């Protein structure tokens, strides 16, 4: 496939990708856009939703339209790091060890129910996600390029699960919430699966192969982002940090109203920060800037607007802002806190 030559042809390619995914997935536009944006950005994705919402099918379909090598790993409490990375096998005939590579040696990895794996497995996965390599024995081996981890987790079933470390959560570019379908979408789903013994779904075309993906990345790099947008992004991210952590980081200064500063905004003293234990790191600012440019590209624009930043804020920040017990007691989730910050930080 030819590489996209600008924002309009790039938007058409994104639309073509959505159309292919829609052959199997009803609705879920926000999830599809988040997956496609993360793919272009080269980041990992955490998908959260109750069972039966087609998370696994979506990831398989995404791999299918890219034509990339795909592996699925079912995470369980008895999983070992070698089950992911591979291991050394003694070759009797040669009198030496040979490397047997694990399922991580693929382009697209589906880490199903990632929160069921113990700490050692999470550590091995963290090296793969961050360094794009794995260590077998005493040797490190590079992983294929591109390399994406798309992990799923069930928010309602906690028995036999392990909370993901904050360091690992921060390595996910975005966290996408998979919601229930609307009644109309569910009618469509029922109609598609009415035939007994029907196969998994229609065949999908490869529309986002490696050259097309590289072309989208070039187009995203060409999207203009004004300095005021960058200041807005930094203000949003730094405003997720409670005052104590700001002072510790040398960020005690604030912006009282205008959009000229890039530091944390002085939000109303209404006990707002009692809902936040820890805010987002500078990695969130980088991710938000990168993703907002791709969202602009999806809309066929060659420049970033504050609305692109707002759209990207939820998937980028919802797994990086750690809420306090007071937030849970008050019935607030992370999206509610992010919405409040977006309403308070001045728009450039």
Protein backbone atom coordinates (compact mmCIF):
# COMPACT_ATOMS: atom_id res chain seq x y z
CA UNK A 1 0.00 0.00 0.00
CA UNK A 2 1.24 3.51 -0.83
CA UNK A 3 2.33 5.67 2.04
CA UNK A 4 -0.09 8.49 2.97
CA UNK A 5 1.11 11.77 1.58
CA UNK A 6 -0.59 14.22 3.95
CA UNK A 7 -3.25 14.73 6.63
CA UNK A 8 -6.19 14.12 4.29
CA UNK A 9 -4.91 10.87 2.79
CA UNK A 10 -3.86 9.81 6.30
CA UNK A 11 -7.40 10.44 7.54
CA UNK A 12 -8.70 8.29 4.67
CA UNK A 13 -6.36 5.47 5.69
CA UNK A 14 -7.56 5.69 9.29
CA UNK A 15 -11.14 5.53 7.99
CA UNK A 16 -10.26 2.47 5.93
CA UNK A 17 -8.81 0.78 9.03
CA UNK A 18 -11.97 1.55 11.01
CA UNK A 19 -14.03 0.08 8.20
CA UNK A 20 -12.09 -3.18 8.24
CA UNK A 21 -12.34 -3.49 12.03
CA UNK A 22 -16.07 -2.71 11.86
CA UNK A 23 -16.58 -5.89 9.84
CA UNK A 24 -16.10 -7.78 13.11
CA UNK A 25 -16.56 -5.18 15.87
CA UNK A 26 -19.81 -3.27 16.39
CA UNK A 27 -19.39 0.25 17.75
CA UNK A 28 -16.46 0.87 20.12
CA UNK A 29 -15.19 3.82 18.04
CA UNK A 30 -13.21 5.31 20.95
CA UNK A 31 -11.44 2.01 21.53
CA UNK A 32 -10.65 1.56 17.82
CA UNK A 33 -9.28 5.09 17.51
CA UNK A 34 -7.18 4.61 20.64
CA UNK A 35 -5.74 1.34 19.34
CA UNK A 36 -4.91 2.82 15.93
CA UNK A 37 -3.36 5.93 17.48
CA UNK A 38 -1.20 3.85 19.83
CA UNK A 39 -0.12 1.67 16.90
CA UNK A 40 1.05 4.74 14.97
CA UNK A 41 2.70 6.19 18.09
CA UNK A 42 4.53 2.93 18.74
CA UNK A 43 3.11 2.57 22.26
CA UNK A 44 1.59 -0.23 24.29
CA UNK A 45 -2.10 -0.45 25.19
CA UNK A 46 -3.97 -1.60 28.30
CA UNK A 47 -7.57 -2.64 27.57
CA UNK A 48 -9.94 -2.87 30.52
CA UNK A 49 -13.46 -4.26 30.33
CA UNK A 50 -15.69 -7.01 31.61
CA UNK A 51 -15.67 -10.40 29.83
CA UNK A 52 -17.57 -10.74 26.57
CA UNK A 53 -16.90 -7.29 25.08
CA UNK A 54 -14.68 -8.59 22.25
CA UNK A 55 -11.34 -7.32 23.60
CA UNK A 56 -9.46 -10.37 22.34
CA UNK A 57 -11.26 -10.34 19.00
CA UNK A 58 -10.41 -6.67 18.54
CA UNK A 59 -6.70 -7.23 19.14
CA UNK A 60 -6.64 -10.22 16.78
CA UNK A 61 -8.44 -8.17 14.13
CA UNK A 62 -6.01 -5.28 14.57
CA UNK A 63 -3.07 -7.63 14.02
CA UNK A 64 -4.82 -9.03 10.95
CA UNK A 65 -5.23 -5.68 9.20
CA UNK A 66 -1.53 -4.94 9.75
CA UNK A 67 -0.25 -8.29 8.50
CA UNK A 68 2.22 -8.36 11.42
CA UNK A 69 3.25 -11.48 13.33
CA UNK A 70 0.81 -12.06 16.18
CA UNK A 71 1.04 -14.11 19.40
CA UNK A 72 -1.46 -14.55 22.22
CA UNK A 73 -0.28 -15.28 25.75
CA UNK A 74 -2.79 -16.33 28.41
CA UNK A 75 -1.50 -15.04 31.73
CA UNK A 76 -1.98 -17.30 34.74
CA UNK A 77 -0.59 -17.29 38.33
CA UNK A 78 1.73 -20.24 37.55
CA UNK A 79 3.31 -18.59 34.49
CA UNK A 80 7.12 -18.37 34.47
CA UNK A 81 9.30 -15.69 32.81
CA UNK A 82 10.71 -18.35 30.47
CA UNK A 83 7.17 -19.01 29.22
CA UNK A 84 7.32 -15.51 27.71
CA UNK A 85 10.93 -14.92 26.82
CA UNK A 86 12.11 -18.43 25.97
CA UNK A 87 14.80 -20.57 27.51
CA UNK A 88 18.10 -22.34 26.96
CA UNK A 89 17.80 -25.97 25.83
CA UNK A 90 20.63 -28.46 26.11
CA UNK A 91 21.49 -30.02 22.74
CA UNK A 92 22.98 -33.46 23.47
CA UNK A 93 24.41 -33.87 19.98
CA UNK A 94 26.18 -30.52 19.99
CA UNK A 95 27.13 -30.61 23.65
CA UNK A 96 25.95 -27.05 24.03
CA UNK A 97 22.88 -24.94 24.82
CA UNK A 98 20.64 -23.50 22.12
CA UNK A 99 18.08 -20.73 22.50
CA UNK A 100 14.40 -21.59 22.17
CA UNK A 101 12.63 -18.26 21.72
CA UNK A 102 9.34 -17.61 23.47
CA UNK A 103 6.11 -16.02 22.19
CA UNK A 104 7.36 -12.48 22.88
CA UNK A 105 9.30 -12.72 19.61
CA UNK A 106 6.43 -11.35 17.52
CA UNK A 107 5.25 -7.91 16.42
CA UNK A 108 1.86 -7.83 18.15
CA UNK A 109 1.50 -9.49 21.56
CA UNK A 110 -1.88 -10.05 23.18
CA UNK A 111 -1.26 -10.33 26.93
CA UNK A 112 -4.62 -11.73 28.01
CA UNK A 113 -5.57 -11.05 31.64
CA UNK A 114 -2.18 -9.53 32.33
CA UNK A 115 -2.95 -8.93 36.01
CA UNK A 116 -2.98 -12.68 36.71
CA UNK A 117 0.78 -13.04 36.31
CA UNK A 118 3.16 -12.87 39.33
CA UNK A 119 5.90 -10.29 39.86
CA UNK A 120 8.74 -12.17 38.09
CA UNK A 121 6.69 -12.47 34.91
CA UNK A 122 5.75 -8.78 35.11
CA UNK A 123 9.44 -7.91 35.42
CA UNK A 124 10.30 -9.88 32.29
CA UNK A 125 7.45 -8.19 30.43
CA UNK A 126 8.57 -4.78 31.65
CA UNK A 127 12.01 -5.28 30.09
CA UNK A 128 10.38 -6.24 26.80
CA UNK A 129 8.04 -3.24 26.84
CA UNK A 130 10.66 -0.67 27.77
CA UNK A 131 13.88 -1.96 26.24
CA UNK A 132 12.39 -3.90 23.29
CA UNK A 133 14.61 -6.83 24.26
CA UNK A 134 14.55 -9.93 26.46
CA UNK A 135 17.31 -11.63 28.41
CA UNK A 136 17.75 -15.39 28.11
CA UNK A 137 20.57 -16.75 30.22
CA UNK A 138 23.30 -14.13 30.09
CA UNK A 139 22.47 -12.75 26.65
CA UNK A 140 19.97 -10.06 25.62
CA UNK A 141 18.09 -10.53 22.36
CA UNK A 142 16.35 -7.70 20.48
CA UNK A 143 12.64 -8.11 19.79
CA UNK A 144 11.12 -7.64 16.32
CA UNK A 145 10.40 -4.13 15.11
CA UNK A 146 7.66 -2.97 15.45
CA UNK A 147 6.75 -4.45 18.83
CA UNK A 148 3.42 -3.80 20.56
CA UNK A 149 1.96 -5.21 23.75
CA UNK A 150 -1.83 -5.05 23.93
CA UNK A 151 -2.86 -6.24 27.37
CA UNK A 152 -6.34 -6.94 28.72
CA UNK A 153 -7.60 -7.02 32.27
CA UNK A 154 -10.94 -7.66 33.93
CA UNK A 155 -11.90 -4.90 36.41
CA UNK A 156 -14.48 -6.92 38.35
CA UNK A 157 -12.75 -10.23 39.07
CA UNK A 158 -9.90 -9.79 41.56
CA UNK A 159 -9.45 -13.33 42.92
CA UNK A 160 -6.10 -14.75 41.83
CA UNK A 161 -4.89 -11.44 40.40
CA UNK A 162 -1.90 -9.21 41.12
CA UNK A 163 -2.02 -5.43 40.98
CA UNK A 164 0.19 -4.17 38.16
CA UNK A 165 3.21 -2.20 39.42
CA UNK A 166 3.04 1.55 38.79
CA UNK A 167 6.30 1.35 36.82
CA UNK A 168 4.69 -1.12 34.43
CA UNK A 169 1.43 0.82 34.16
CA UNK A 170 3.41 3.92 33.19
CA UNK A 171 4.93 2.02 30.25
CA UNK A 172 1.50 1.68 28.65
CA UNK A 173 0.97 4.63 26.34
CA UNK A 174 -2.80 4.52 26.85
CA UNK A 175 -5.44 2.76 28.90
CA UNK A 176 -8.68 2.19 26.99
CA UNK A 177 -11.99 1.33 28.63
CA UNK A 178 -14.18 -1.10 26.71
CA UNK A 179 -17.80 -0.18 27.39
CA UNK A 180 -21.04 -2.07 26.94
CA UNK A 181 -22.61 -1.69 23.48
CA UNK A 182 -25.76 0.34 22.91
CA UNK A 183 -29.01 -1.60 22.30
CA UNK A 184 -28.70 -0.94 18.55
CA UNK A 185 -25.10 -2.16 18.51
CA UNK A 186 -26.05 -5.24 20.51
CA UNK A 187 -28.81 -6.03 18.02
CA UNK A 188 -26.15 -5.85 15.30
CA UNK A 189 -23.91 -8.22 17.31
CA UNK A 190 -26.75 -10.71 17.79
CA UNK A 191 -27.57 -10.58 14.08
CA UNK A 192 -23.96 -11.20 13.08
CA UNK A 193 -23.74 -14.26 15.32
CA UNK A 194 -27.18 -15.71 14.66
CA UNK A 195 -25.91 -18.57 12.53
CA UNK A 196 -25.01 -21.65 14.61
CA UNK A 197 -21.43 -22.80 14.25
CA UNK A 198 -20.51 -19.67 12.29
CA UNK A 199 -16.77 -18.95 11.93
CA UNK A 200 -15.03 -16.19 13.87
CA UNK A 201 -15.97 -13.52 11.34
CA UNK A 202 -15.33 -12.25 7.84
CA UNK A 203 -11.80 -12.16 6.46
CA UNK A 204 -10.05 -8.81 6.82
CA UNK A 205 -7.76 -7.10 4.32
CA UNK A 206 -4.26 -5.92 5.17
CA UNK A 207 -4.64 -2.14 5.01
CA UNK A 208 -2.00 -0.98 7.51
CA UNK A 209 1.14 -2.89 6.58
CA UNK A 210 4.64 -1.79 7.60
CA UNK A 211 5.13 0.81 4.78
CA UNK A 212 1.69 2.33 5.44
CA UNK A 213 2.40 2.45 9.17
CA UNK A 214 5.73 4.17 8.52
CA UNK A 215 3.95 6.67 6.27
CA UNK A 216 1.43 7.50 8.99
CA UNK A 217 4.24 8.11 11.44
CA UNK A 218 5.91 10.51 9.02
CA UNK A 219 2.60 12.32 8.53
CA UNK A 220 2.10 12.52 12.32
CA UNK A 221 5.58 13.98 12.75
CA UNK A 222 4.65 16.70 10.26
CA UNK A 223 1.55 17.78 12.24
CA UNK A 224 2.16 21.23 13.71
CA UNK A 225 1.90 21.75 17.46
CA UNK A 226 2.13 25.33 18.66
CA UNK A 227 4.15 26.22 21.75
CA UNK A 228 0.91 27.24 23.45
CA UNK A 229 -0.38 23.69 22.96
CA UNK A 230 2.78 22.30 24.56
CA UNK A 231 2.34 24.68 27.50
CA UNK A 232 -1.29 23.59 27.83
CA UNK A 233 -0.22 19.93 27.88
CA UNK A 234 2.42 20.56 30.56
CA UNK A 235 -0.10 22.55 32.63
CA UNK A 236 -2.63 19.73 32.44
CA UNK A 237 -0.17 17.03 33.45
CA UNK A 238 1.53 19.00 36.21
CA UNK A 239 -1.88 19.95 37.60
CA UNK A 240 -2.57 16.27 38.34
CA UNK A 241 0.14 16.39 41.00
CA UNK A 242 -0.77 17.22 44.59
CA UNK A 243 0.96 20.28 46.03
CA UNK A 244 3.29 18.17 48.19
CA UNK A 245 4.70 16.31 45.19
CA UNK A 246 4.94 19.53 43.18
CA UNK A 247 7.07 21.16 45.86
CA UNK A 248 9.27 18.08 46.06
CA UNK A 249 9.83 18.31 42.32
CA UNK A 250 10.54 22.04 42.41
CA UNK A 251 7.14 22.87 40.94
CA UNK A 252 5.64 24.88 43.76
CA UNK A 253 5.08 27.84 41.45
CA UNK A 254 1.79 27.98 39.62
CA UNK A 255 -0.24 29.70 36.95
CA UNK A 256 -3.07 31.71 38.39
CA UNK A 257 -5.16 32.20 35.30
CA UNK A 258 -3.52 32.86 31.97
CA UNK A 259 -2.23 30.30 29.50
CA UNK A 260 1.27 31.73 29.22
CA UNK A 261 2.91 29.57 31.87
CA UNK A 262 3.80 25.93 31.64
CA UNK A 263 3.69 25.06 35.33
CA UNK A 264 0.87 23.64 37.41
CA UNK A 265 -2.31 25.69 37.51
CA UNK A 266 -3.51 26.86 40.92
CA UNK A 267 -6.80 25.01 41.11
CA UNK A 268 -9.49 26.12 43.59
CA UNK A 269 -8.74 25.29 47.21
CA UNK A 270 -11.78 23.07 47.66
CA UNK A 271 -10.07 19.91 48.85
CA UNK A 272 -9.68 18.83 45.22
CA UNK A 273 -6.28 17.24 45.70
CA UNK A 274 -7.41 15.07 48.58
CA UNK A 275 -8.73 12.80 45.83
CA UNK A 276 -5.25 12.33 44.31
CA UNK A 277 -2.36 10.43 45.91
CA UNK A 278 0.10 10.73 43.00
CA UNK A 279 -0.04 12.54 39.69
CA UNK A 280 1.34 11.80 36.24
CA UNK A 281 5.05 11.93 35.35
CA UNK A 282 6.68 13.78 32.42
CA UNK A 283 6.24 10.55 30.43
CA UNK A 284 2.53 11.48 30.38
CA UNK A 285 3.33 14.88 28.85
CA UNK A 286 5.33 13.19 26.09
CA UNK A 287 2.53 10.68 25.45
CA UNK A 288 -0.16 13.38 25.46
CA UNK A 289 1.77 15.52 22.99
CA UNK A 290 2.40 12.55 20.70
CA UNK A 291 -1.17 11.26 20.82
CA UNK A 292 -2.80 14.67 20.28
CA UNK A 293 -0.89 15.04 17.00
CA UNK A 294 -2.16 11.65 15.84
CA UNK A 295 -5.74 12.54 16.82
CA UNK A 296 -5.40 15.72 14.72
CA UNK A 297 -4.16 13.58 11.83
CA UNK A 298 -7.20 11.31 12.20
CA UNK A 299 -9.43 14.33 11.67
CA UNK A 300 -7.53 15.36 8.54
CA UNK A 301 -5.87 18.41 10.12
CA UNK A 302 -2.23 19.43 9.90
CA UNK A 303 -2.23 21.18 13.31
CA UNK A 304 -3.19 20.34 16.89
CA UNK A 305 -6.11 22.00 18.67
CA UNK A 306 -6.96 21.99 22.40
CA UNK A 307 -9.81 19.59 21.60
CA UNK A 308 -7.25 17.03 20.37
CA UNK A 309 -5.42 17.36 23.68
CA UNK A 310 -8.65 16.92 25.64
CA UNK A 311 -9.57 13.82 23.64
CA UNK A 312 -6.16 12.29 24.30
CA UNK A 313 -6.09 13.25 27.99
CA UNK A 314 -8.37 10.46 29.21
CA UNK A 315 -6.55 7.44 27.69
CA UNK A 316 -3.15 8.92 28.55
CA UNK A 317 -3.85 9.95 32.16
CA UNK A 318 -6.42 7.50 33.53
CA UNK A 319 -3.81 4.87 34.47
CA UNK A 320 -1.19 7.38 35.60
CA UNK A 321 -3.22 9.34 38.16
CA UNK A 322 -3.42 7.40 41.43
CA UNK A 323 -6.54 8.21 43.42
CA UNK A 324 -6.77 8.30 47.20
CA UNK A 325 -9.14 6.44 49.48
CA UNK A 326 -11.20 9.64 49.76
CA UNK A 327 -11.92 9.52 46.03
CA UNK A 328 -13.24 5.97 46.32
CA UNK A 329 -15.31 6.95 49.35
CA UNK A 330 -16.79 9.87 47.41
CA UNK A 331 -17.61 7.60 44.46
CA UNK A 332 -15.14 9.26 42.06
CA UNK A 333 -13.18 7.45 39.37
CA UNK A 334 -10.10 8.67 37.49
CA UNK A 335 -12.09 9.96 34.51
CA UNK A 336 -14.14 12.19 36.82
CA UNK A 337 -10.97 13.69 38.28
CA UNK A 338 -9.48 14.23 34.81
CA UNK A 339 -12.71 15.90 33.66
CA UNK A 340 -12.49 18.28 36.61
CA UNK A 341 -8.89 19.19 35.78
CA UNK A 342 -9.78 19.76 32.11
CA UNK A 343 -12.58 22.10 33.17
CA UNK A 344 -10.29 24.14 35.44
CA UNK A 345 -7.08 24.50 33.41
CA UNK A 346 -7.35 27.50 31.04
CA UNK A 347 -7.49 26.72 27.32
CA UNK A 348 -4.92 28.57 25.18
